[in-house]
C-alpha cells in the first residue's frame, strides 16, 4: 500500500478510491457518503487530502466527491502545451464535469479552494446547468487579480509573476530545491504556523516536488496570466455572471483578505453572492476547518 492510500484510509475512512479515465487520462477520485452530490476541489500545491477535516462531516449529508485536479497528486500531468491550454481553467473544469458525469451526476454542488476555486468558478460560468451551488475560498479571478495588483501584493505573492515566466526558466530554478520551494508556499501564506497533519504535509511536498508536478504548477500559473485572463476579459465584455447561489469565503489574515475588496470584486461576477470572512490565513480548510465547515454546511442547506 502506498503512502497515498494509507493516508486516505486514515484520514478519509469510508471513501472509495477510483481512477476515472477522461479522454484516456486518469483522474484520482474519492467518493464517500450519501445524499446530493458535492464536488470539492483542492488548492495548490496540495491534493484532495486538504479536505480531510471537513469532507467526512459533509459526507453525513452529501455524496462527497474529492479529486486530485489535473497536474496534482495522482492525477495525470500534461506537459508544455500551446498557450498553456492544458492548464486553462476551462479545460480543467471540463475534465471535472466529465468525472461527475461518469459517476452519474449531471448536476451538483461545488466547493473549491485556491486553484480548485478557480476551476470551480470557471465550471460554474461555462456550465451553469451543472452547478446548483458554488462556494469558493480565498481567491479573486485572474482578471481582477492582475488588474488590482500593487507593489505590496506583488511582493507577497511573488510567485504569481515568477511562475508565469516562459519555460524552462522557472522550472529550472525550482529544480535546484523543489521541496524547499513548495514548502515556502505551503507555510508562507499565513501569519502563523498552519496546523498540517504531519504525514499530509509530507505527502504534499512529495507529490508537488517531481519534475512533472513542477511543470504542471508553472503551466497552471502561465495559463492564469494568459488564457484564463483572456477568458475573463471576454466574460467581462458580455457581463457574464455566475447564475447559482455563490458563497465567497476568504481568510481575513491572508493576502487576499488584506489586499482586495472581496465583495466589490465578486459582486461583479455573481448573480446571488453571499460572503463569509474566516478568521484564518490562506489555507482555510486546514487552518479553520470548524468555521469553514459551519459556513459550508449552512450555505449548502
C-alpha atoms as a PDB file:
ATOM      1  CA  UNK A   1       0.000   0.000   0.000  1.00  0.00           C
ATOM      2  CA  UNK A   2       1.339   3.427  -0.946  1.00  0.00           C
ATOM      3  CA  UNK A   3       1.601   6.429   1.381  1.00  0.00           C
ATOM      4  CA  UNK A   4      -1.245   7.988  -0.613  1.00  0.00           C
ATOM      5  CA  UNK A   5      -3.510   5.010   0.039  1.00  0.00           C
ATOM      6  CA  UNK A   6      -2.528   4.767   3.705  1.00  0.00           C
ATOM      7  CA  UNK A   7      -3.404   8.391   4.355  1.00  0.00           C
ATOM      8  CA  UNK A   8      -6.734   8.068   2.586  1.00  0.00           C
ATOM      9  CA  UNK A   9      -7.652   5.123   4.791  1.00  0.00           C
ATOM     10  CA  UNK A  10      -6.560   7.005   7.911  1.00  0.00           C
ATOM     11  CA  UNK A  11      -7.970  10.468   7.192  1.00  0.00           C
ATOM     12  CA  UNK A  12     -10.898   9.710   4.880  1.00  0.00           C
ATOM     13  CA  UNK A  13     -12.329   6.426   6.199  1.00  0.00           C
ATOM     14  CA  UNK A  14     -15.219   5.120   4.163  1.00  0.00           C
ATOM     15  CA  UNK A  15     -14.212   6.985   1.000  1.00  0.00           C
ATOM     16  CA  UNK A  16     -13.694   4.754  -2.032  1.00  0.00           C
ATOM     17  CA  UNK A  17     -10.700   5.448  -4.280  1.00  0.00           C
ATOM     18  CA  UNK A  18     -11.194   5.330  -8.045  1.00  0.00           C
ATOM     19  CA  UNK A  19      -9.162   6.194 -11.114  1.00  0.00           C
ATOM     20  CA  UNK A  20     -11.645   7.703 -13.577  1.00  0.00           C
ATOM     21  CA  UNK A  21     -10.462   7.936 -17.162  1.00  0.00           C
ATOM     22  CA  UNK A  22     -11.328  11.104 -19.044  1.00  0.00           C
ATOM     23  CA  UNK A  23     -10.185  11.030 -22.667  1.00  0.00           C
ATOM     24  CA  UNK A  24      -7.885   8.165 -21.710  1.00  0.00           C
ATOM     25  CA  UNK A  25      -6.203  10.012 -18.845  1.00  0.00           C
ATOM     26  CA  UNK A  26      -6.679   9.131 -15.179  1.00  0.00           C
ATOM     27  CA  UNK A  27      -8.181  11.455 -12.573  1.00  0.00           C
ATOM     28  CA  UNK A  28      -7.871  10.243  -8.989  1.00  0.00           C
ATOM     29  CA  UNK A  29     -11.309  10.391  -7.404  1.00  0.00           C
ATOM     30  CA  UNK A  30     -12.619   9.532  -3.941  1.00  0.00           C
ATOM     31  CA  UNK A  31     -16.306   9.108  -3.195  1.00  0.00           C
ATOM     32  CA  UNK A  32     -17.908   8.912   0.248  1.00  0.00           C
ATOM     33  CA  UNK A  33     -21.209   9.434   1.997  1.00  0.00           C
ATOM     34  CA  UNK A  34     -24.724   9.557   0.613  1.00  0.00           C
ATOM     35  CA  UNK A  35     -27.181  12.215  -0.449  1.00  0.00           C
ATOM     36  CA  UNK A  36     -26.995  15.007  -3.043  1.00  0.00           C
ATOM     37  CA  UNK A  37     -23.669  15.152  -4.922  1.00  0.00           C
ATOM     38  CA  UNK A  38     -20.983  17.601  -3.792  1.00  0.00           C
ATOM     39  CA  UNK A  39     -17.679  18.026  -5.650  1.00  0.00           C
ATOM     40  CA  UNK A  40     -14.756  19.512  -3.673  1.00  0.00           C
ATOM     41  CA  UNK A  41     -11.620  20.774  -5.463  1.00  0.00           C
ATOM     42  CA  UNK A  42      -8.365  21.371  -3.587  1.00  0.00           C
ATOM     43  CA  UNK A  43      -5.767  24.118  -3.840  1.00  0.00           C
ATOM     44  CA  UNK A  44      -2.122  24.292  -4.863  1.00  0.00           C
ATOM     45  CA  UNK A  45       0.339  22.683  -4.158  1.00  0.00           C
ATOM     46  CA  UNK A  46      -1.924  20.248  -2.318  1.00  0.00           C
ATOM     47  CA  UNK A  47      -4.132  17.231  -3.008  1.00  0.00           C
ATOM     48  CA  UNK A  48      -7.664  16.109  -2.139  1.00  0.00           C
ATOM     49  CA  UNK A  49      -6.415  15.469   1.404  1.00  0.00           C
ATOM     50  CA  UNK A  50      -6.756  19.170   2.210  1.00  0.00           C
ATOM     51  CA  UNK A  51     -10.447  18.395   2.869  1.00  0.00           C
ATOM     52  CA  UNK A  52      -9.833  15.654   5.438  1.00  0.00           C
ATOM     53  CA  UNK A  53     -11.123  17.772   8.356  1.00  0.00           C
ATOM     54  CA  UNK A  54     -14.281  18.836   6.513  1.00  0.00           C
ATOM     55  CA  UNK A  55     -15.291  16.222   3.928  1.00  0.00           C
ATOM     56  CA  UNK A  56     -16.153  13.370   6.364  1.00  0.00           C
ATOM     57  CA  UNK A  57     -18.602  15.660   8.159  1.00  0.00           C
ATOM     58  CA  UNK A  58     -20.217  16.794   4.925  1.00  0.00           C
ATOM     59  CA  UNK A  59     -20.436  13.141   3.850  1.00  0.00           C
ATOM     60  CA  UNK A  60     -23.075  12.673   6.548  1.00  0.00           C
ATOM     61  CA  UNK A  61     -25.430  14.667   4.310  1.00  0.00           C
ATOM     62  CA  UNK A  62     -23.900  14.536   0.838  1.00  0.00           C
ATOM     63  CA  UNK A  63     -22.292  12.168  -1.599  1.00  0.00           C
ATOM     64  CA  UNK A  64     -18.899  13.875  -1.436  1.00  0.00           C
ATOM     65  CA  UNK A  65     -16.558  13.614  -4.425  1.00  0.00           C
ATOM     66  CA  UNK A  66     -12.916  14.565  -3.952  1.00  0.00           C
ATOM     67  CA  UNK A  67     -10.463  14.660  -6.829  1.00  0.00           C
ATOM     68  CA  UNK A  68      -6.842  15.488  -7.413  1.00  0.00           C
ATOM     69  CA  UNK A  69      -7.082  18.240 -10.013  1.00  0.00           C
ATOM     70  CA  UNK A  70      -5.055  18.000 -13.205  1.00  0.00           C
ATOM     71  CA  UNK A  71      -1.323  18.301 -12.542  1.00  0.00           C
ATOM     72  CA  UNK A  72      -1.542  17.386  -8.850  1.00  0.00           C
ATOM     73  CA  UNK A  73      -1.338  14.268  -6.688  1.00  0.00           C
ATOM     74  CA  UNK A  74      -2.115  11.047  -8.543  1.00  0.00           C
ATOM     75  CA  UNK A  75      -3.976  12.658 -11.457  1.00  0.00           C
ATOM     76  CA  UNK A  76      -2.344  12.910 -14.885  1.00  0.00           C
ATOM     77  CA  UNK A  77       0.077  15.761 -15.531  1.00  0.00           C
ATOM     78  CA  UNK A  78       0.200  17.136 -19.062  1.00  0.00           C
ATOM     79  CA  UNK A  79       3.415  18.826 -20.110  1.00  0.00           C
ATOM     80  CA  UNK A  80       4.002  22.011 -22.092  1.00  0.00           C
ATOM     81  CA  UNK A  81       1.172  22.994 -24.454  1.00  0.00           C
ATOM     82  CA  UNK A  82       0.492  25.852 -26.854  1.00  0.00           C
ATOM     83  CA  UNK A  83      -0.986  28.834 -24.991  1.00  0.00           C
ATOM     84  CA  UNK A  84      -0.890  26.642 -21.841  1.00  0.00           C
ATOM     85  CA  UNK A  85      -4.271  25.292 -22.961  1.00  0.00           C
ATOM     86  CA  UNK A  86      -3.958  22.045 -20.983  1.00  0.00           C
ATOM     87  CA  UNK A  87      -3.992  24.066 -17.765  1.00  0.00           C
ATOM     88  CA  UNK A  88      -6.588  26.639 -18.712  1.00  0.00           C
ATOM     89  CA  UNK A  89      -9.260  26.584 -16.053  1.00  0.00           C
ATOM     90  CA  UNK A  90     -11.771  25.998 -18.851  1.00  0.00           C
ATOM     91  CA  UNK A  91     -10.039  22.732 -19.786  1.00  0.00           C
ATOM     92  CA  UNK A  92      -9.641  21.685 -16.165  1.00  0.00           C
ATOM     93  CA  UNK A  93     -13.296  22.481 -15.413  1.00  0.00           C
ATOM     94  CA  UNK A  94     -14.482  20.438 -18.379  1.00  0.00           C
ATOM     95  CA  UNK A  95     -12.475  17.495 -17.090  1.00  0.00           C
ATOM     96  CA  UNK A  96     -14.080  17.721 -13.647  1.00  0.00           C
ATOM     97  CA  UNK A  97     -17.513  17.883 -15.285  1.00  0.00           C
ATOM     98  CA  UNK A  98     -16.707  14.651 -17.111  1.00  0.00           C
ATOM     99  CA  UNK A  99     -15.658  12.985 -13.857  1.00  0.00           C
ATOM    100  CA  UNK A 100     -19.021  13.838 -12.316  1.00  0.00           C
ATOM    101  CA  UNK A 101     -20.837  12.654 -15.424  1.00  0.00           C
ATOM    102  CA  UNK A 102     -19.050   9.299 -15.278  1.00  0.00           C
ATOM    103  CA  UNK A 103     -20.180   8.980 -11.674  1.00  0.00           C
ATOM    104  CA  UNK A 104     -23.763   9.542 -12.840  1.00  0.00           C
ATOM    105  CA  UNK A 105     -24.176  13.155 -11.673  1.00  0.00           C
ATOM    106  CA  UNK A 106     -25.485  15.696 -14.181  1.00  0.00           C
ATOM    107  CA  UNK A 107     -25.802  18.481 -11.594  1.00  0.00           C
ATOM    108  CA  UNK A 108     -24.148  19.006  -8.230  1.00  0.00           C
ATOM    109  CA  UNK A 109     -22.932  21.471  -5.631  1.00  0.00           C
ATOM    110  CA  UNK A 110     -19.348  22.613  -5.904  1.00  0.00           C
ATOM    111  CA  UNK A 111     -16.686  23.801  -3.439  1.00  0.00           C
ATOM    112  CA  UNK A 112     -13.159  24.925  -4.302  1.00  0.00           C
ATOM    113  CA  UNK A 113     -10.150  26.350  -2.503  1.00  0.00           C
ATOM    114  CA  UNK A 114      -7.312  28.294  -4.155  1.00  0.00           C
ATOM    115  CA  UNK A 115      -6.517  26.723  -7.554  1.00  0.00           C
ATOM    116  CA  UNK A 116      -9.554  24.471  -7.156  1.00  0.00           C
ATOM    117  CA  UNK A 117     -11.716  27.553  -6.627  1.00  0.00           C
ATOM    118  CA  UNK A 118     -10.509  28.961  -9.941  1.00  0.00           C
ATOM    119  CA  UNK A 119     -11.501  25.726 -11.664  1.00  0.00           C
ATOM    120  CA  UNK A 120     -14.826  25.687  -9.809  1.00  0.00           C
ATOM    121  CA  UNK A 121     -15.630  29.274 -10.781  1.00  0.00           C
ATOM    122  CA  UNK A 122     -14.933  28.544 -14.442  1.00  0.00           C
ATOM    123  CA  UNK A 123     -17.075  25.399 -14.274  1.00  0.00           C
ATOM    124  CA  UNK A 124     -19.980  27.420 -12.889  1.00  0.00           C
ATOM    125  CA  UNK A 125     -19.583  30.066 -15.609  1.00  0.00           C
ATOM    126  CA  UNK A 126     -19.204  27.650 -18.527  1.00  0.00           C
ATOM    127  CA  UNK A 127     -21.693  25.005 -17.394  1.00  0.00           C
ATOM    128  CA  UNK A 128     -24.432  26.767 -15.397  1.00  0.00           C
ATOM    129  CA  UNK A 129     -26.829  23.863 -15.862  1.00  0.00           C
ATOM    130  CA  UNK A 130     -24.475  21.600 -13.886  1.00  0.00           C
ATOM    131  CA  UNK A 131     -23.715  23.709 -10.803  1.00  0.00           C
ATOM    132  CA  UNK A 132     -26.506  24.120  -8.268  1.00  0.00           C
ATOM    133  CA  UNK A 133     -24.472  25.930  -5.593  1.00  0.00           C
ATOM    134  CA  UNK A 134     -20.900  27.220  -5.585  1.00  0.00           C
ATOM    135  CA  UNK A 135     -18.517  28.014  -2.736  1.00  0.00           C
ATOM    136  CA  UNK A 136     -15.059  29.474  -3.368  1.00  0.00           C
ATOM    137  CA  UNK A 137     -12.276  30.002  -0.838  1.00  0.00           C
ATOM    138  CA  UNK A 138      -9.620  32.735  -0.794  1.00  0.00           C
ATOM    139  CA  UNK A 139      -9.301  33.712  -4.441  1.00  0.00           C
ATOM    140  CA  UNK A 140     -10.102  36.566  -6.759  1.00  0.00           C
ATOM    141  CA  UNK A 141     -10.499  35.871 -10.506  1.00  0.00           C
ATOM    142  CA  UNK A 142      -7.413  36.173 -12.707  1.00  0.00           C
ATOM    143  CA  UNK A 143      -8.686  39.349 -14.399  1.00  0.00           C
ATOM    144  CA  UNK A 144      -9.221  41.122 -11.094  1.00  0.00           C
ATOM    145  CA  UNK A 145      -6.024  39.820  -9.538  1.00  0.00           C
ATOM    146  CA  UNK A 146      -3.733  41.229 -12.193  1.00  0.00           C
ATOM    147  CA  UNK A 147      -5.803  44.386 -12.691  1.00  0.00           C
ATOM    148  CA  UNK A 148      -5.619  45.259  -8.987  1.00  0.00           C
ATOM    149  CA  UNK A 149      -2.090  44.131  -8.176  1.00  0.00           C
ATOM    150  CA  UNK A 150       0.008  46.625  -6.225  1.00  0.00           C
ATOM    151  CA  UNK A 151       3.679  46.569  -5.317  1.00  0.00           C
ATOM    152  CA  UNK A 152       2.766  45.157  -1.904  1.00  0.00           C
ATOM    153  CA  UNK A 153       0.712  42.332  -3.439  1.00  0.00           C
ATOM    154  CA  UNK A 154       3.465  41.561  -5.938  1.00  0.00           C
ATOM    155  CA  UNK A 155       5.972  41.312  -3.111  1.00  0.00           C
ATOM    156  CA  UNK A 156       3.847  38.940  -1.033  1.00  0.00           C
ATOM    157  CA  UNK A 157       2.527  36.910  -3.970  1.00  0.00           C
ATOM    158  CA  UNK A 158       5.826  36.979  -5.859  1.00  0.00           C
ATOM    159  CA  UNK A 159       5.357  33.547  -7.397  1.00  0.00           C
ATOM    160  CA  UNK A 160       2.310  34.764  -9.384  1.00  0.00           C
ATOM    161  CA  UNK A 161       4.902  36.565 -11.508  1.00  0.00           C
ATOM    162  CA  UNK A 162       7.863  34.205 -11.201  1.00  0.00           C
ATOM    163  CA  UNK A 163       5.958  31.067 -12.244  1.00  0.00           C
ATOM    164  CA  UNK A 164       4.457  32.776 -15.301  1.00  0.00           C
ATOM    165  CA  UNK A 165       7.856  33.271 -16.937  1.00  0.00           C
ATOM    166  CA  UNK A 166       8.479  31.218 -20.099  1.00  0.00           C
ATOM    167  CA  UNK A 167       9.513  27.579 -19.870  1.00  0.00           C
ATOM    168  CA  UNK A 168      12.063  26.378 -18.825  1.00  0.00           C
ATOM    169  CA  UNK A 169      13.361  29.233 -16.645  1.00  0.00           C
ATOM    170  CA  UNK A 170      11.150  28.888 -13.531  1.00  0.00           C
ATOM    171  CA  UNK A 171      11.184  25.081 -13.763  1.00  0.00           C
ATOM    172  CA  UNK A 172      14.986  25.067 -13.890  1.00  0.00           C
ATOM    173  CA  UNK A 173      15.323  27.364 -10.891  1.00  0.00           C
ATOM    174  CA  UNK A 174      12.765  25.459  -8.811  1.00  0.00           C
ATOM    175  CA  UNK A 175      14.610  22.276  -9.730  1.00  0.00           C
ATOM    176  CA  UNK A 176      17.516  23.338  -7.547  1.00  0.00           C
ATOM    177  CA  UNK A 177      15.382  22.833  -4.410  1.00  0.00           C
ATOM    178  CA  UNK A 178      11.810  21.843  -5.331  1.00  0.00           C
ATOM    179  CA  UNK A 179      10.900  20.684  -1.826  1.00  0.00           C
ATOM    180  CA  UNK A 180      12.133  23.943  -0.331  1.00  0.00           C
ATOM    181  CA  UNK A 181      10.157  25.999  -2.847  1.00  0.00           C
ATOM    182  CA  UNK A 182       6.922  24.075  -2.280  1.00  0.00           C
ATOM    183  CA  UNK A 183       7.433  24.222   1.477  1.00  0.00           C
ATOM    184  CA  UNK A 184       7.780  28.006   1.297  1.00  0.00           C
ATOM    185  CA  UNK A 185       4.385  28.293  -0.403  1.00  0.00           C
ATOM    186  CA  UNK A 186       2.691  25.852   1.965  1.00  0.00           C
ATOM    187  CA  UNK A 187       3.980  27.637   5.054  1.00  0.00           C
ATOM    188  CA  UNK A 188       4.465  31.224   3.889  1.00  0.00           C
ATOM    189  CA  UNK A 189       0.912  32.359   3.083  1.00  0.00           C
ATOM    190  CA  UNK A 190      -0.390  32.529   6.640  1.00  0.00           C
ATOM    191  CA  UNK A 191       0.725  34.756   9.518  1.00  0.00           C
ATOM    192  CA  UNK A 192       1.058  31.783  11.884  1.00  0.00           C
ATOM    193  CA  UNK A 193       2.031  28.143  11.519  1.00  0.00           C
ATOM    194  CA  UNK A 194      -0.523  26.097   9.582  1.00  0.00           C
ATOM    195  CA  UNK A 195      -1.509  23.066  11.705  1.00  0.00           C
ATOM    196  CA  UNK A 196      -0.983  20.492   8.979  1.00  0.00           C
ATOM    197  CA  UNK A 197      -1.233  16.809   9.701  1.00  0.00           C
ATOM    198  CA  UNK A 198       2.474  15.895   9.583  1.00  0.00           C
ATOM    199  CA  UNK A 199       2.090  12.979   7.183  1.00  0.00           C
ATOM    200  CA  UNK A 200      -0.203  15.014   4.927  1.00  0.00           C
ATOM    201  CA  UNK A 201       2.344  17.817   4.646  1.00  0.00           C
ATOM    202  CA  UNK A 202       4.993  15.223   3.770  1.00  0.00           C
ATOM    203  CA  UNK A 203       2.730  13.894   1.024  1.00  0.00           C
ATOM    204  CA  UNK A 204       2.027  17.384  -0.345  1.00  0.00           C
ATOM    205  CA  UNK A 205       5.761  18.024  -0.625  1.00  0.00           C
ATOM    206  CA  UNK A 206       6.493  14.643  -2.155  1.00  0.00           C
ATOM    207  CA  UNK A 207       3.721  14.915  -4.736  1.00  0.00           C
ATOM    208  CA  UNK A 208       4.441  18.535  -5.702  1.00  0.00           C
ATOM    209  CA  UNK A 209       8.222  18.278  -5.992  1.00  0.00           C
ATOM    210  CA  UNK A 210       8.567  15.971  -9.011  1.00  0.00           C
ATOM    211  CA  UNK A 211       9.681  17.480 -12.344  1.00  0.00           C
ATOM    212  CA  UNK A 212       6.254  16.710 -13.845  1.00  0.00           C
ATOM    213  CA  UNK A 213       4.449  18.445 -10.995  1.00  0.00           C
ATOM    214  CA  UNK A 214       6.756  21.467 -11.221  1.00  0.00           C
ATOM    215  CA  UNK A 215       5.946  21.869 -14.922  1.00  0.00           C
ATOM    216  CA  UNK A 216       2.260  21.498 -14.061  1.00  0.00           C
ATOM    217  CA  UNK A 217       2.438  24.291 -11.486  1.00  0.00           C
ATOM    218  CA  UNK A 218       4.225  26.661 -13.850  1.00  0.00           C
ATOM    219  CA  UNK A 219       1.862  25.896 -16.729  1.00  0.00           C
ATOM    220  CA  UNK A 220      -1.132  26.461 -14.462  1.00  0.00           C
ATOM    221  CA  UNK A 221       0.138  29.904 -13.452  1.00  0.00           C
ATOM    222  CA  UNK A 222       1.100  30.758 -17.027  1.00  0.00           C
ATOM    223  CA  UNK A 223      -2.454  29.864 -18.045  1.00  0.00           C
ATOM    224  CA  UNK A 224      -3.759  32.125 -15.276  1.00  0.00           C
ATOM    225  CA  UNK A 225      -1.801  35.104 -16.578  1.00  0.00           C
ATOM    226  CA  UNK A 226      -2.620  34.353 -20.209  1.00  0.00           C
ATOM    227  CA  UNK A 227      -5.581  32.347 -21.453  1.00  0.00           C
ATOM    228  CA  UNK A 228      -7.574  32.418 -18.196  1.00  0.00           C
ATOM    229  CA  UNK A 229      -7.299  36.177 -18.005  1.00  0.00           C
ATOM    230  CA  UNK A 230      -8.374  36.420 -21.649  1.00  0.00           C
ATOM    231  CA  UNK A 231     -11.442  34.295 -20.930  1.00  0.00           C
ATOM    232  CA  UNK A 232     -12.273  36.629 -18.041  1.00  0.00           C
ATOM    233  CA  UNK A 233     -11.914  39.683 -20.278  1.00  0.00           C
ATOM    234  CA  UNK A 234     -14.329  38.124 -22.763  1.00  0.00           C
ATOM    235  CA  UNK A 235     -16.800  37.428 -19.949  1.00  0.00           C
ATOM    236  CA  UNK A 236     -16.466  40.983 -18.689  1.00  0.00           C
ATOM    237  CA  UNK A 237     -17.355  42.369 -22.145  1.00  0.00           C
ATOM    238  CA  UNK A 238     -20.603  40.383 -22.183  1.00  0.00           C
ATOM    239  CA  UNK A 239     -21.301  40.912 -18.449  1.00  0.00           C
ATOM    240  CA  UNK A 240     -21.492  37.157 -17.979  1.00  0.00           C
ATOM    241  CA  UNK A 241     -22.165  36.118 -14.378  1.00  0.00           C
ATOM    242  CA  UNK A 242     -22.372  33.007 -12.219  1.00  0.00           C
ATOM    243  CA  UNK A 243     -26.075  32.210 -12.010  1.00  0.00           C
ATOM    244  CA  UNK A 244     -26.255  29.904  -8.989  1.00  0.00           C
ATOM    245  CA  UNK A 245     -26.100  30.941  -5.321  1.00  0.00           C
ATOM    246  CA  UNK A 246     -22.429  31.549  -4.500  1.00  0.00           C
ATOM    247  CA  UNK A 247     -20.651  31.641  -1.156  1.00  0.00           C
ATOM    248  CA  UNK A 248     -17.389  33.587  -1.183  1.00  0.00           C
ATOM    249  CA  UNK A 249     -15.072  32.771   1.736  1.00  0.00           C
ATOM    250  CA  UNK A 250     -11.692  34.275   2.493  1.00  0.00           C
ATOM    251  CA  UNK A 251      -9.082  34.309   5.235  1.00  0.00           C
ATOM    252  CA  UNK A 252      -9.117  37.727   6.866  1.00  0.00           C
ATOM    253  CA  UNK A 253      -5.463  37.290   7.889  1.00  0.00           C
ATOM    254  CA  UNK A 254      -4.296  36.227   4.428  1.00  0.00           C
ATOM    255  CA  UNK A 255      -3.018  38.182   1.449  1.00  0.00           C
ATOM    256  CA  UNK A 256      -6.340  38.120  -0.403  1.00  0.00           C
ATOM    257  CA  UNK A 257      -8.273  39.324   2.608  1.00  0.00           C
ATOM    258  CA  UNK A 258      -5.826  42.120   3.403  1.00  0.00           C
ATOM    259  CA  UNK A 259      -5.343  43.499  -0.093  1.00  0.00           C
ATOM    260  CA  UNK A 260      -8.501  43.020  -2.178  1.00  0.00           C
ATOM    261  CA  UNK A 261     -12.046  44.376  -1.944  1.00  0.00           C
ATOM    262  CA  UNK A 262     -13.618  40.905  -1.971  1.00  0.00           C
ATOM    263  CA  UNK A 263     -17.248  41.978  -2.011  1.00  0.00           C
ATOM    264  CA  UNK A 264     -16.800  44.553  -4.747  1.00  0.00           C
ATOM    265  CA  UNK A 265     -14.966  42.069  -6.982  1.00  0.00           C
ATOM    266  CA  UNK A 266     -17.306  39.109  -6.528  1.00  0.00           C
ATOM    267  CA  UNK A 267     -20.463  41.258  -6.727  1.00  0.00           C
ATOM    268  CA  UNK A 268     -19.477  41.793 -10.342  1.00  0.00           C
ATOM    269  CA  UNK A 269     -19.201  38.069 -11.057  1.00  0.00           C
ATOM    270  CA  UNK A 270     -22.164  36.587  -9.168  1.00  0.00           C
ATOM    271  CA  UNK A 271     -25.907  36.923  -9.507  1.00  0.00           C
ATOM    272  CA  UNK A 272     -26.515  35.703  -5.935  1.00  0.00           C
ATOM    273  CA  UNK A 273     -23.372  36.218  -3.815  1.00  0.00           C
ATOM    274  CA  UNK A 274     -23.080  35.564  -0.101  1.00  0.00           C
ATOM    275  CA  UNK A 275     -19.972  36.322   1.962  1.00  0.00           C
ATOM    276  CA  UNK A 276     -18.225  34.582   4.851  1.00  0.00           C
ATOM    277  CA  UNK A 277     -14.913  36.016   6.091  1.00  0.00           C
ATOM    278  CA  UNK A 278     -12.965  33.422   8.074  1.00  0.00           C
ATOM    279  CA  UNK A 279     -10.511  34.028  10.910  1.00  0.00           C
ATOM    280  CA  UNK A 280      -7.658  32.363   9.066  1.00  0.00           C
ATOM    281  CA  UNK A 281      -4.777  32.750   6.698  1.00  0.00           C
ATOM    282  CA  UNK A 282      -4.876  31.322   3.178  1.00  0.00           C
ATOM    283  CA  UNK A 283      -5.173  27.600   3.945  1.00  0.00           C
ATOM    284  CA  UNK A 284      -8.719  27.755   5.315  1.00  0.00           C
ATOM    285  CA  UNK A 285      -9.574  24.012   5.135  1.00  0.00           C
ATOM    286  CA  UNK A 286      -6.703  23.158   7.484  1.00  0.00           C
ATOM    287  CA  UNK A 287      -6.364  26.388   9.472  1.00  0.00           C
ATOM    288  CA  UNK A 288     -10.033  26.916  10.312  1.00  0.00           C
ATOM    289  CA  UNK A 289     -11.858  23.683   9.455  1.00  0.00           C
ATOM    290  CA  UNK A 290     -14.619  24.076  12.043  1.00  0.00           C
ATOM    291  CA  UNK A 291     -15.502  27.610  10.977  1.00  0.00           C
ATOM    292  CA  UNK A 292     -15.304  26.621   7.315  1.00  0.00           C
ATOM    293  CA  UNK A 293     -17.490  23.552   7.852  1.00  0.00           C
ATOM    294  CA  UNK A 294     -20.125  25.598   9.669  1.00  0.00           C
ATOM    295  CA  UNK A 295     -20.248  28.174   6.873  1.00  0.00           C
ATOM    296  CA  UNK A 296     -20.408  25.495   4.176  1.00  0.00           C
ATOM    297  CA  UNK A 297     -22.976  23.371   5.973  1.00  0.00           C
ATOM    298  CA  UNK A 298     -25.253  26.379   6.472  1.00  0.00           C
ATOM    299  CA  UNK A 299     -24.880  27.558   2.886  1.00  0.00           C
ATOM    300  CA  UNK A 300     -25.352  24.135   1.301  1.00  0.00           C
ATOM    301  CA  UNK A 301     -28.510  23.601   3.347  1.00  0.00           C
END
